Amino acid sequence: MSIVNALFISTAHVSDETIRELDEMCVDNWADGVNKHGIFSTNFGWFLFVSEENPNKEIQTILDYARSKDCWYVVLDNAGDICNDLPVFG
């Protein structure tokens, strides 16, 4: 059995434009129906795999931060805490 870390942070760490991009990335699939970005919508935000690259600078900053904390996943949630090490929008 393995237990892995997840970074659970506020959706305030993404701008309105990035929110729209996250929603688009959630439905952007490969031909076999698998989500190509590793981003999934939840009722209160998004679940992200900590991947190597993301075309969105805000998301990449969050993924890089999560990786530096040895996290495998990021949960952006409206109930998540603000991380003082990351930018905050609106």
Protein backbone atom coordinates (compact mmCIF):
# COMPACT_ATOMS: atom_id res chain seq x y z
CA MET A 1 0.00 0.00 0.00
CA SER A 2 1.19 3.49 -0.83
CA ILE A 3 0.04 6.82 0.45
CA VAL A 4 0.78 9.88 -1.68
CA ASN A 5 0.57 13.61 -1.03
CA ALA A 6 -1.96 15.98 -2.54
CA LEU A 7 -1.86 19.76 -2.46
CA PHE A 8 -5.33 20.98 -1.40
CA ILE A 9 -5.62 24.72 -2.14
CA SER A 10 -8.18 27.40 -2.89
CA THR A 11 -9.63 28.08 -6.32
CA ALA A 12 -8.57 31.68 -5.63
CA HIS A 13 -5.19 30.65 -7.04
CA VAL A 14 -6.58 30.69 -10.59
CA SER A 15 -7.94 33.63 -12.57
CA ASP A 16 -11.33 33.70 -14.32
CA GLU A 17 -9.59 33.05 -17.65
CA THR A 18 -7.81 30.01 -16.25
CA ILE A 19 -11.09 28.75 -14.77
CA ARG A 20 -12.52 28.71 -18.30
CA GLU A 21 -9.40 26.92 -19.56
CA LEU A 22 -9.63 24.32 -16.77
CA ASP A 23 -13.24 23.60 -17.73
CA GLU A 24 -12.18 23.19 -21.38
CA MET A 25 -9.27 20.93 -20.45
CA CYS A 26 -11.62 18.67 -18.46
CA VAL A 27 -13.43 17.67 -21.64
CA ASP A 28 -10.43 17.69 -24.01
CA ASN A 29 -9.90 13.97 -24.64
CA TRP A 30 -7.70 11.77 -26.78
CA ALA A 31 -9.46 9.64 -29.39
CA ASP A 32 -9.89 6.81 -26.86
CA GLY A 33 -11.83 9.12 -24.51
CA VAL A 34 -9.06 9.51 -21.91
CA ASN A 35 -8.57 13.05 -20.62
CA LYS A 36 -5.30 14.24 -22.15
CA HIS A 37 -4.51 16.86 -19.49
CA GLY A 38 -5.14 14.86 -16.33
CA ILE A 39 -7.61 17.50 -15.11
CA PHE A 40 -11.04 16.58 -13.82
CA SER A 41 -13.90 18.76 -12.65
CA THR A 42 -15.35 18.30 -9.18
CA ASN A 43 -18.44 19.92 -7.69
CA PHE A 44 -16.26 22.58 -6.08
CA GLY A 45 -13.19 22.93 -8.31
CA TRP A 46 -10.74 20.61 -10.08
CA PHE A 47 -8.54 17.58 -9.48
CA LEU A 48 -5.21 17.64 -11.34
CA PHE A 49 -2.46 15.10 -11.81
CA VAL A 50 0.93 16.69 -11.25
CA SER A 51 2.19 16.37 -14.81
CA GLU A 52 5.35 17.66 -16.40
CA GLU A 53 3.88 20.46 -18.51
CA ASN A 54 0.73 22.47 -18.85
CA PRO A 55 0.24 25.20 -21.45
CA ASN A 56 -1.33 27.54 -18.88
CA LYS A 57 1.23 29.55 -16.87
CA GLU A 58 -0.92 29.75 -13.70
CA ILE A 59 -1.56 26.02 -13.69
CA GLN A 60 2.11 25.29 -14.40
CA THR A 61 3.11 27.45 -11.42
CA ILE A 62 0.76 25.44 -9.18
CA LEU A 63 2.01 22.11 -10.58
CA ASP A 64 5.65 23.16 -10.08
CA TYR A 65 4.88 24.15 -6.49
CA ALA A 66 3.09 20.85 -5.83
CA ARG A 67 6.02 18.93 -7.31
CA SER A 68 8.43 20.84 -5.02
CA LYS A 69 6.35 19.59 -2.08
CA ASP A 70 6.43 15.98 -3.34
CA CYS A 71 2.73 16.01 -4.20
CA TRP A 72 1.32 13.75 -6.89
CA TYR A 73 -2.04 15.55 -7.14
CA VAL A 74 -3.53 19.01 -6.77
CA VAL A 75 -7.06 19.69 -5.61
CA LEU A 76 -8.25 23.20 -6.38
CA ASP A 77 -11.32 23.60 -4.18
CA ASN A 78 -13.43 26.57 -3.11
CA ALA A 79 -12.99 25.39 0.51
CA GLY A 80 -9.21 25.06 0.16
CA ASP A 81 -6.77 27.27 2.01
CA ILE A 82 -4.87 30.15 0.45
CA CYS A 83 -1.21 29.26 -0.03
CA ASN A 84 0.97 32.28 0.68
CA ASP A 85 3.61 30.97 -1.74
CA LEU A 86 1.27 31.18 -4.76
CA PRO A 87 -0.44 34.10 -6.52
CA VAL A 88 -4.06 34.89 -5.63
CA PHE A 89 -6.63 36.23 -8.07
CA GLY A 90 -9.88 38.13 -7.42
